[in-house]
Amino acid sequence: MDYSLGKLVFIPNPEKFSDLNLPLIGFGGEDLIKEKGIKEIIEKLMTEEKITYRDFIIKQIPALTLEGGLRAAFTKVKDLTVGKLEEDELNPKKNKIKLTFSLGKGSYATMVIKSMFN
């Protein structure tokens, strides 16, 4: 699925990739990147952009300083329930469906909804 920063991929069996983590680049993140190929890609991009790991330390605004870390590459939609088709009281002549689900920290519900109705 296309979105503002590129493409998102939705796969039917994320369990296969449940242990796949991607690096979040930051001032301490270079030690977390174990896969040689990924490290080379990141360092090439950083060279092209003329940035270093130290550039993620922002002394003037410490809250924006990013240490780096790892993030799960895929998230699992849990506890999905789909309600009944109903009239939408806010939009005359339209219908609505109530969806409820849970996502892990850092995941975006809007992207799940877009993937369901795209």
N, C-alpha and C. Protein backbone atom coordinates (compact mmCIF):
# COMPACT_ATOMS: atom_id res chain seq x y z
N MET A 1 0.84 -1.17 0.00
CA MET A 1 0.00 0.00 0.00
C MET A 1 0.89 1.24 0.00
N ASP A 2 0.58 2.18 -0.87
CA ASP A 2 1.31 3.45 -0.90
C ASP A 2 0.88 4.31 0.28
N TYR A 3 1.83 5.03 0.84
CA TYR A 3 1.52 6.05 1.85
C TYR A 3 2.56 7.16 1.71
N SER A 4 2.45 8.19 2.52
CA SER A 4 3.25 9.41 2.32
C SER A 4 4.75 9.19 2.30
N LEU A 5 5.26 8.16 2.95
CA LEU A 5 6.70 7.94 3.02
C LEU A 5 7.17 6.74 2.20
N GLY A 6 6.28 6.16 1.41
CA GLY A 6 6.70 5.00 0.59
C GLY A 6 5.62 3.97 0.47
N LYS A 7 5.96 2.72 0.80
CA LYS A 7 5.01 1.62 0.70
C LYS A 7 4.99 0.83 2.00
N LEU A 8 3.80 0.36 2.36
CA LEU A 8 3.64 -0.57 3.47
C LEU A 8 3.24 -1.90 2.89
N VAL A 9 3.74 -2.97 3.48
CA VAL A 9 3.44 -4.31 3.00
C VAL A 9 2.62 -5.02 4.06
N PHE A 10 1.52 -5.63 3.64
CA PHE A 10 0.69 -6.42 4.53
C PHE A 10 0.80 -7.87 4.11
N ILE A 11 1.19 -8.72 5.05
CA ILE A 11 1.37 -10.12 4.74
C ILE A 11 0.39 -10.97 5.56
N PRO A 12 -0.10 -12.08 4.99
CA PRO A 12 -1.10 -12.87 5.68
C PRO A 12 -0.57 -13.64 6.88
N ASN A 13 0.70 -13.99 6.93
CA ASN A 13 1.25 -14.79 8.03
C ASN A 13 2.48 -14.13 8.65
N PRO A 14 2.28 -13.07 9.43
CA PRO A 14 3.44 -12.36 9.98
C PRO A 14 4.22 -13.17 11.00
N GLU A 15 3.65 -14.29 11.48
CA GLU A 15 4.36 -15.11 12.46
C GLU A 15 5.73 -15.54 11.92
N LYS A 16 5.78 -15.76 10.62
CA LYS A 16 7.02 -16.18 9.96
C LYS A 16 8.13 -15.14 10.18
N PHE A 17 7.75 -13.88 10.37
CA PHE A 17 8.71 -12.79 10.51
C PHE A 17 8.63 -12.15 11.90
N SER A 18 8.08 -12.86 12.86
CA SER A 18 7.81 -12.26 14.17
C SER A 18 9.07 -11.78 14.89
N ASP A 19 10.21 -12.33 14.55
CA ASP A 19 11.44 -11.90 15.23
C ASP A 19 12.27 -10.94 14.39
N LEU A 20 11.71 -10.44 13.28
CA LEU A 20 12.45 -9.51 12.42
C LEU A 20 12.33 -8.09 12.97
N ASN A 21 13.46 -7.51 13.30
CA ASN A 21 13.50 -6.14 13.81
C ASN A 21 14.28 -5.25 12.86
N LEU A 22 13.86 -4.00 12.78
CA LEU A 22 14.54 -3.01 11.95
C LEU A 22 15.12 -1.94 12.87
N PRO A 23 16.27 -1.40 12.50
CA PRO A 23 16.89 -0.39 13.36
C PRO A 23 16.21 0.97 13.24
N LEU A 24 16.08 1.64 14.38
CA LEU A 24 15.73 3.05 14.43
C LEU A 24 17.06 3.78 14.61
N ILE A 25 17.40 4.61 13.66
CA ILE A 25 18.71 5.24 13.67
C ILE A 25 18.76 6.32 14.75
N GLY A 26 19.83 6.32 15.51
CA GLY A 26 20.03 7.31 16.56
C GLY A 26 21.48 7.28 17.00
N PHE A 27 21.81 8.10 18.00
CA PHE A 27 23.22 8.25 18.37
C PHE A 27 23.82 6.99 18.98
N GLY A 28 23.03 6.10 19.52
CA GLY A 28 23.58 4.87 20.10
C GLY A 28 23.20 3.64 19.31
N GLY A 29 22.56 3.83 18.18
CA GLY A 29 22.01 2.71 17.44
C GLY A 29 22.98 1.91 16.60
N GLU A 30 24.15 2.46 16.32
CA GLU A 30 25.07 1.74 15.43
C GLU A 30 25.49 0.39 16.00
N ASP A 31 25.52 0.26 17.31
CA ASP A 31 25.90 -1.01 17.93
C ASP A 31 24.79 -2.05 17.89
N LEU A 32 23.56 -1.61 17.63
CA LEU A 32 22.43 -2.54 17.57
C LEU A 32 22.28 -3.21 16.22
N ILE A 33 22.90 -2.66 15.20
CA ILE A 33 22.73 -3.17 13.84
C ILE A 33 23.73 -4.30 13.63
N LYS A 34 23.23 -5.52 13.69
CA LYS A 34 24.11 -6.69 13.59
C LYS A 34 24.25 -7.20 12.15
N GLU A 35 23.19 -7.06 11.35
CA GLU A 35 23.23 -7.58 9.99
C GLU A 35 24.09 -6.68 9.12
N LYS A 36 25.12 -7.26 8.54
CA LYS A 36 26.09 -6.50 7.75
C LYS A 36 25.44 -5.77 6.59
N GLY A 37 24.56 -6.43 5.85
CA GLY A 37 23.91 -5.80 4.70
C GLY A 37 23.09 -4.59 5.08
N ILE A 38 22.35 -4.69 6.17
CA ILE A 38 21.53 -3.57 6.63
C ILE A 38 22.42 -2.42 7.10
N LYS A 39 23.48 -2.76 7.82
CA LYS A 39 24.41 -1.73 8.30
C LYS A 39 25.02 -0.97 7.12
N GLU A 40 25.39 -1.68 6.07
CA GLU A 40 25.98 -1.04 4.89
C GLU A 40 24.98 -0.12 4.21
N ILE A 41 23.73 -0.54 4.11
CA ILE A 41 22.69 0.30 3.49
C ILE A 41 22.50 1.58 4.29
N ILE A 42 22.40 1.44 5.60
CA ILE A 42 22.20 2.60 6.47
C ILE A 42 23.38 3.57 6.36
N GLU A 43 24.58 3.03 6.42
CA GLU A 43 25.76 3.90 6.36
C GLU A 43 25.88 4.58 5.00
N LYS A 44 25.50 3.90 3.93
CA LYS A 44 25.51 4.52 2.60
C LYS A 44 24.52 5.68 2.54
N LEU A 45 23.31 5.44 3.05
CA LEU A 45 22.30 6.50 3.06
C LEU A 45 22.73 7.68 3.92
N MET A 46 23.31 7.38 5.07
CA MET A 46 23.76 8.46 5.94
C MET A 46 24.88 9.26 5.27
N THR A 47 25.76 8.60 4.56
CA THR A 47 26.83 9.30 3.83
C THR A 47 26.23 10.20 2.75
N GLU A 48 25.27 9.66 2.00
CA GLU A 48 24.61 10.45 0.95
C GLU A 48 23.91 11.67 1.53
N GLU A 49 23.32 11.51 2.70
CA GLU A 49 22.59 12.60 3.35
C GLU A 49 23.51 13.49 4.19
N LYS A 50 24.77 13.12 4.27
CA LYS A 50 25.77 13.87 5.04
C LYS A 50 25.38 14.01 6.52
N ILE A 51 24.97 12.87 7.11
CA ILE A 51 24.65 12.86 8.53
C ILE A 51 25.44 11.74 9.21
N THR A 52 25.61 11.89 10.52
CA THR A 52 26.30 10.88 11.31
C THR A 52 25.38 10.49 12.47
N TYR A 53 25.76 9.44 13.17
CA TYR A 53 24.99 9.03 14.34
C TYR A 53 24.96 10.14 15.38
N ARG A 54 26.02 10.90 15.50
CA ARG A 54 26.09 11.99 16.48
C ARG A 54 25.10 13.12 16.17
N ASP A 55 24.66 13.22 14.91
CA ASP A 55 23.70 14.27 14.54
C ASP A 55 22.34 14.07 15.20
N PHE A 56 22.13 12.90 15.80
CA PHE A 56 20.86 12.64 16.45
C PHE A 56 20.85 13.11 17.90
N ILE A 57 21.95 13.72 18.33
CA ILE A 57 22.02 14.35 19.65
C ILE A 57 21.73 15.82 19.44
N ILE A 58 20.65 16.30 20.03
CA ILE A 58 20.24 17.69 19.86
C ILE A 58 20.28 18.36 21.24
N LYS A 59 21.40 19.01 21.52
CA LYS A 59 21.62 19.60 22.84
C LYS A 59 20.63 20.72 23.16
N GLN A 60 20.23 21.48 22.11
CA GLN A 60 19.32 22.60 22.33
C GLN A 60 17.92 22.13 22.72
N ILE A 61 17.52 20.96 22.22
CA ILE A 61 16.19 20.41 22.53
C ILE A 61 16.37 18.93 22.88
N PRO A 62 16.77 18.62 24.10
CA PRO A 62 17.08 17.25 24.49
C PRO A 62 15.93 16.25 24.24
N ALA A 63 14.70 16.72 24.32
CA ALA A 63 13.56 15.82 24.10
C ALA A 63 13.53 15.26 22.67
N LEU A 64 14.19 15.94 21.75
CA LEU A 64 14.24 15.47 20.36
C LEU A 64 15.43 14.55 20.08
N THR A 65 16.31 14.40 21.05
CA THR A 65 17.47 13.53 20.88
C THR A 65 16.99 12.09 20.75
N LEU A 66 17.53 11.38 19.74
CA LEU A 66 17.11 10.01 19.49
C LEU A 66 18.28 9.08 19.71
N GLU A 67 18.11 8.16 20.66
CA GLU A 67 19.18 7.24 21.00
C GLU A 67 19.31 6.10 20.00
N GLY A 68 18.24 5.74 19.37
CA GLY A 68 18.27 4.60 18.45
C GLY A 68 17.76 3.36 19.16
N GLY A 69 17.46 2.36 18.39
CA GLY A 69 16.95 1.13 18.96
C GLY A 69 16.48 0.20 17.86
N LEU A 70 15.72 -0.78 18.25
CA LEU A 70 15.17 -1.73 17.29
C LEU A 70 13.65 -1.67 17.36
N ARG A 71 13.01 -1.90 16.23
CA ARG A 71 11.56 -1.88 16.14
C ARG A 71 11.11 -3.11 15.35
N ALA A 72 10.04 -3.71 15.79
CA ALA A 72 9.50 -4.87 15.08
C ALA A 72 9.13 -4.46 13.65
N ALA A 73 9.52 -5.27 12.68
CA ALA A 73 9.23 -4.97 11.28
C ALA A 73 7.76 -5.14 10.96
N PHE A 74 7.10 -6.05 11.66
CA PHE A 74 5.68 -6.31 11.41
C PHE A 74 4.93 -6.26 12.72
N THR A 75 3.68 -5.91 12.63
CA THR A 75 2.82 -5.91 13.81
C THR A 75 1.64 -6.81 13.55
N LYS A 76 1.08 -7.32 14.60
CA LYS A 76 -0.05 -8.24 14.47
C LYS A 76 -1.31 -7.52 14.95
N VAL A 77 -2.36 -7.64 14.16
CA VAL A 77 -3.67 -7.10 14.56
C VAL A 77 -4.31 -8.15 15.47
N LYS A 78 -4.65 -7.75 16.68
CA LYS A 78 -5.22 -8.68 17.66
C LYS A 78 -6.65 -8.28 18.01
N ASP A 79 -7.42 -9.26 18.40
CA ASP A 79 -8.78 -9.05 18.92
C ASP A 79 -9.67 -8.28 17.95
N LEU A 80 -9.59 -8.59 16.67
CA LEU A 80 -10.39 -7.89 15.66
C LEU A 80 -11.85 -8.32 15.76
N THR A 81 -12.74 -7.34 15.88
CA THR A 81 -14.18 -7.60 15.79
C THR A 81 -14.78 -6.62 14.79
N VAL A 82 -15.73 -7.12 14.03
CA VAL A 82 -16.42 -6.30 13.02
C VAL A 82 -17.89 -6.25 13.40
N GLY A 83 -18.39 -5.02 13.61
CA GLY A 83 -19.78 -4.83 13.99
C GLY A 83 -20.72 -4.96 12.80
N LYS A 84 -21.99 -4.71 13.08
CA LYS A 84 -23.02 -4.78 12.03
C LYS A 84 -23.03 -3.49 11.20
N LEU A 85 -23.49 -3.63 9.97
CA LEU A 85 -23.70 -2.47 9.12
C LEU A 85 -24.87 -1.67 9.68
N GLU A 86 -24.65 -0.37 9.93
CA GLU A 86 -25.67 0.49 10.53
C GLU A 86 -25.75 1.81 9.77
N GLU A 87 -26.86 2.51 9.97
CA GLU A 87 -26.97 3.86 9.41
C GLU A 87 -26.02 4.78 10.19
N ASP A 88 -25.39 5.68 9.48
CA ASP A 88 -24.46 6.62 10.10
C ASP A 88 -25.22 7.89 10.48
N GLU A 89 -25.38 8.12 11.77
CA GLU A 89 -26.15 9.28 12.25
C GLU A 89 -25.45 10.60 11.96
N LEU A 90 -24.17 10.59 11.71
CA LEU A 90 -23.44 11.82 11.41
C LEU A 90 -23.40 12.15 9.92
N ASN A 91 -23.61 11.16 9.09
CA ASN A 91 -23.55 11.33 7.64
C ASN A 91 -24.81 10.72 7.02
N PRO A 92 -25.83 11.55 6.81
CA PRO A 92 -27.09 11.03 6.27
C PRO A 92 -26.88 10.28 4.95
N LYS A 93 -27.67 9.24 4.76
CA LYS A 93 -27.63 8.39 3.56
C LYS A 93 -26.33 7.59 3.44
N LYS A 94 -25.59 7.51 4.54
CA LYS A 94 -24.35 6.71 4.57
C LYS A 94 -24.50 5.63 5.65
N ASN A 95 -23.64 4.63 5.54
CA ASN A 95 -23.62 3.55 6.53
C ASN A 95 -22.29 3.56 7.26
N LYS A 96 -22.25 2.79 8.35
CA LYS A 96 -21.01 2.68 9.12
C LYS A 96 -20.89 1.25 9.65
N ILE A 97 -19.65 0.91 9.96
CA ILE A 97 -19.34 -0.35 10.62
C ILE A 97 -18.35 -0.03 11.72
N LYS A 98 -18.56 -0.58 12.89
CA LYS A 98 -17.64 -0.37 14.00
C LYS A 98 -16.62 -1.51 14.02
N LEU A 99 -15.34 -1.15 13.96
CA LEU A 99 -14.25 -2.11 14.06
C LEU A 99 -13.53 -1.87 15.37
N THR A 100 -13.15 -2.93 16.04
CA THR A 100 -12.29 -2.79 17.21
C THR A 100 -11.14 -3.78 17.06
N PHE A 101 -9.96 -3.36 17.47
CA PHE A 101 -8.78 -4.22 17.43
C PHE A 101 -7.70 -3.62 18.29
N SER A 102 -6.68 -4.42 18.54
CA SER A 102 -5.53 -3.97 19.33
C SER A 102 -4.27 -4.08 18.48
N LEU A 103 -3.35 -3.16 18.70
CA LEU A 103 -2.06 -3.15 18.02
C LEU A 103 -0.96 -2.96 19.05
N GLY A 104 0.23 -3.36 18.68
CA GLY A 104 1.37 -3.14 19.54
C GLY A 104 1.77 -1.67 19.56
N LYS A 105 2.59 -1.33 20.52
CA LYS A 105 3.10 0.03 20.68
C LYS A 105 3.79 0.49 19.40
N GLY A 106 3.51 1.72 18.98
CA GLY A 106 4.15 2.29 17.81
C GLY A 106 3.50 1.93 16.48
N SER A 107 2.40 1.20 16.52
CA SER A 107 1.69 0.84 15.29
C SER A 107 0.56 1.82 15.05
N TYR A 108 0.15 1.94 13.80
CA TYR A 108 -0.83 2.94 13.43
C TYR A 108 -2.14 2.31 12.98
N ALA A 109 -3.20 2.57 13.72
CA ALA A 109 -4.52 2.02 13.40
C ALA A 109 -5.00 2.52 12.04
N THR A 110 -4.69 3.74 11.69
CA THR A 110 -5.14 4.27 10.40
C THR A 110 -4.60 3.43 9.24
N MET A 111 -3.39 2.92 9.37
CA MET A 111 -2.81 2.10 8.31
C MET A 111 -3.53 0.76 8.21
N VAL A 112 -3.96 0.21 9.34
CA VAL A 112 -4.72 -1.04 9.32
C VAL A 112 -6.05 -0.81 8.62
N ILE A 113 -6.74 0.28 8.97
CA ILE A 113 -8.03 0.59 8.35
C ILE A 113 -7.85 0.80 6.84
N LYS A 114 -6.83 1.54 6.45
CA LYS A 114 -6.60 1.76 5.02
C LYS A 114 -6.36 0.44 4.29
N SER A 115 -5.62 -0.46 4.90
CA SER A 115 -5.34 -1.74 4.24
C SER A 115 -6.61 -2.57 4.09
N MET A 116 -7.54 -2.43 5.03
CA MET A 116 -8.79 -3.20 4.96
C MET A 116 -9.73 -2.67 3.87
N PHE A 117 -9.68 -1.38 3.62
CA PHE A 117 -10.64 -0.77 2.70
C PHE A 117 -10.02 -0.22 1.44
N ASN A 118 -8.76 -0.50 1.20
CA ASN A 118 -8.08 0.02 0.02
C ASN A 118 -8.44 -0.81 -1.20
